[in-house]
Amino acid sequence: IANAQFGNRIFPFPLPTQPLDVHLYWHANVDYDPANQWLRGQCIALLGTTG
């Protein structure tokens, strides 16, 4: 992983957690902006969709 050179490690969270709702919001004037569309696409690809 990118931080392996720093000796960082990943541990499971020790407490039970609830799912988080994630929402994307943007101003209407960037609906068709290629950079904004790309960023939204990356977020959806990473986080998935629920409907």
N, C-alpha and C. Protein backbone atom coordinates (compact mmCIF):
# COMPACT_ATOMS: atom_id res chain seq x y z
N ILE A 1 0.85 -1.17 0.00
CA ILE A 1 0.00 0.00 0.00
C ILE A 1 0.90 1.24 0.00
N ALA A 2 0.33 2.37 -0.37
CA ALA A 2 1.11 3.59 -0.53
C ALA A 2 1.89 3.98 0.72
N ASN A 3 1.37 3.71 1.89
CA ASN A 3 2.04 4.11 3.13
C ASN A 3 2.93 3.03 3.72
N ALA A 4 3.14 1.93 3.02
CA ALA A 4 3.95 0.84 3.56
C ALA A 4 5.35 1.31 3.91
N GLN A 5 5.88 2.25 3.16
CA GLN A 5 7.23 2.75 3.43
C GLN A 5 7.32 3.46 4.78
N PHE A 6 6.20 3.88 5.33
CA PHE A 6 6.19 4.57 6.61
C PHE A 6 5.87 3.64 7.78
N GLY A 7 5.66 2.37 7.49
CA GLY A 7 5.38 1.41 8.54
C GLY A 7 3.96 1.46 9.08
N ASN A 8 3.06 2.12 8.36
CA ASN A 8 1.67 2.18 8.80
C ASN A 8 1.02 0.81 8.65
N ARG A 9 0.10 0.50 9.55
CA ARG A 9 -0.63 -0.75 9.49
C ARG A 9 -2.12 -0.46 9.61
N ILE A 10 -2.94 -1.36 9.11
CA ILE A 10 -4.39 -1.22 9.18
C ILE A 10 -4.93 -2.28 10.13
N PHE A 11 -5.74 -1.83 11.08
CA PHE A 11 -6.36 -2.72 12.04
C PHE A 11 -7.87 -2.63 11.92
N PRO A 12 -8.59 -3.71 12.22
CA PRO A 12 -10.05 -3.63 12.23
C PRO A 12 -10.52 -2.70 13.34
N PHE A 13 -11.60 -1.99 13.08
CA PHE A 13 -12.15 -1.10 14.09
C PHE A 13 -12.69 -1.95 15.23
N PRO A 14 -12.36 -1.62 16.48
CA PRO A 14 -12.68 -2.51 17.60
C PRO A 14 -14.12 -2.45 18.10
N LEU A 15 -14.94 -1.57 17.57
CA LEU A 15 -16.32 -1.43 18.03
C LEU A 15 -17.28 -1.68 16.88
N PRO A 16 -18.50 -2.13 17.18
CA PRO A 16 -19.48 -2.29 16.10
C PRO A 16 -19.85 -0.93 15.51
N THR A 17 -20.10 -0.90 14.24
CA THR A 17 -20.46 0.35 13.56
C THR A 17 -21.74 0.17 12.76
N GLN A 18 -22.38 1.27 12.46
CA GLN A 18 -23.56 1.29 11.61
C GLN A 18 -23.15 1.76 10.22
N PRO A 19 -23.85 1.32 9.18
CA PRO A 19 -23.55 1.82 7.83
C PRO A 19 -23.73 3.33 7.76
N LEU A 20 -22.96 3.96 6.90
CA LEU A 20 -23.05 5.40 6.69
C LEU A 20 -23.77 5.69 5.38
N ASP A 21 -24.62 6.70 5.40
CA ASP A 21 -25.22 7.19 4.16
C ASP A 21 -24.26 8.20 3.55
N VAL A 22 -23.96 8.04 2.29
CA VAL A 22 -23.08 8.96 1.58
C VAL A 22 -23.87 9.57 0.44
N HIS A 23 -23.87 10.89 0.35
CA HIS A 23 -24.60 11.60 -0.69
C HIS A 23 -23.64 12.51 -1.45
N LEU A 24 -23.85 12.64 -2.73
CA LEU A 24 -23.07 13.57 -3.55
C LEU A 24 -23.95 14.77 -3.88
N TYR A 25 -23.41 15.94 -3.67
CA TYR A 25 -24.11 17.18 -4.01
C TYR A 25 -23.18 18.04 -4.85
N TRP A 26 -23.73 18.71 -5.84
CA TRP A 26 -22.97 19.65 -6.64
C TRP A 26 -23.90 20.69 -7.19
N HIS A 27 -23.34 21.82 -7.54
CA HIS A 27 -24.12 22.92 -8.10
C HIS A 27 -24.50 22.58 -9.54
N ALA A 28 -25.68 23.00 -9.94
CA ALA A 28 -26.20 22.69 -11.28
C ALA A 28 -25.28 23.20 -12.39
N ASN A 29 -24.52 24.25 -12.13
CA ASN A 29 -23.67 24.78 -13.20
C ASN A 29 -22.46 23.90 -13.50
N VAL A 30 -22.25 22.82 -12.74
CA VAL A 30 -21.17 21.89 -13.05
C VAL A 30 -21.70 20.51 -13.47
N ASP A 31 -23.00 20.43 -13.76
CA ASP A 31 -23.58 19.16 -14.20
C ASP A 31 -22.82 18.55 -15.38
N TYR A 32 -22.42 19.37 -16.31
CA TYR A 32 -21.78 18.89 -17.53
C TYR A 32 -20.28 19.17 -17.57
N ASP A 33 -19.71 19.61 -16.46
CA ASP A 33 -18.28 19.86 -16.39
C ASP A 33 -17.53 18.52 -16.40
N PRO A 34 -16.62 18.31 -17.35
CA PRO A 34 -15.95 17.02 -17.45
C PRO A 34 -15.20 16.61 -16.18
N ALA A 35 -14.55 17.53 -15.53
CA ALA A 35 -13.81 17.19 -14.30
C ALA A 35 -14.77 16.77 -13.20
N ASN A 36 -15.89 17.47 -13.08
CA ASN A 36 -16.87 17.13 -12.05
C ASN A 36 -17.53 15.79 -12.36
N GLN A 37 -17.83 15.55 -13.63
CA GLN A 37 -18.40 14.27 -14.02
C GLN A 37 -17.43 13.13 -13.71
N TRP A 38 -16.16 13.35 -13.97
CA TRP A 38 -15.16 12.33 -13.68
C TRP A 38 -15.11 12.04 -12.18
N LEU A 39 -15.07 13.09 -11.37
CA LEU A 39 -15.00 12.91 -9.92
C LEU A 39 -16.23 12.17 -9.41
N ARG A 40 -17.41 12.54 -9.89
CA ARG A 40 -18.63 11.84 -9.47
C ARG A 40 -18.57 10.37 -9.87
N GLY A 41 -18.08 10.11 -11.07
CA GLY A 41 -17.95 8.73 -11.54
C GLY A 41 -16.99 7.93 -10.67
N GLN A 42 -15.89 8.55 -10.26
CA GLN A 42 -14.92 7.87 -9.40
C GLN A 42 -15.54 7.55 -8.05
N CYS A 43 -16.28 8.49 -7.49
CA CYS A 43 -16.94 8.27 -6.20
C CYS A 43 -17.94 7.13 -6.30
N ILE A 44 -18.73 7.11 -7.36
CA ILE A 44 -19.74 6.06 -7.53
C ILE A 44 -19.06 4.71 -7.74
N ALA A 45 -17.98 4.68 -8.52
CA ALA A 45 -17.28 3.42 -8.76
C ALA A 45 -16.67 2.88 -7.46
N LEU A 46 -16.18 3.77 -6.62
CA LEU A 46 -15.56 3.35 -5.37
C LEU A 46 -16.58 2.96 -4.32
N LEU A 47 -17.62 3.78 -4.19
CA LEU A 47 -18.59 3.58 -3.12
C LEU A 47 -19.80 2.76 -3.54
N GLY A 48 -20.04 2.66 -4.83
CA GLY A 48 -21.19 1.91 -5.32
C GLY A 48 -22.46 2.73 -5.29
N THR A 49 -23.53 2.09 -5.69
CA THR A 49 -24.84 2.74 -5.69
C THR A 49 -25.84 1.85 -4.98
N THR A 50 -26.85 2.45 -4.41
CA THR A 50 -27.90 1.68 -3.74
C THR A 50 -29.25 1.95 -4.36
N GLY A 51 -29.30 2.71 -5.42
CA GLY A 51 -30.58 2.95 -6.06
C GLY A 51 -30.72 4.38 -6.32
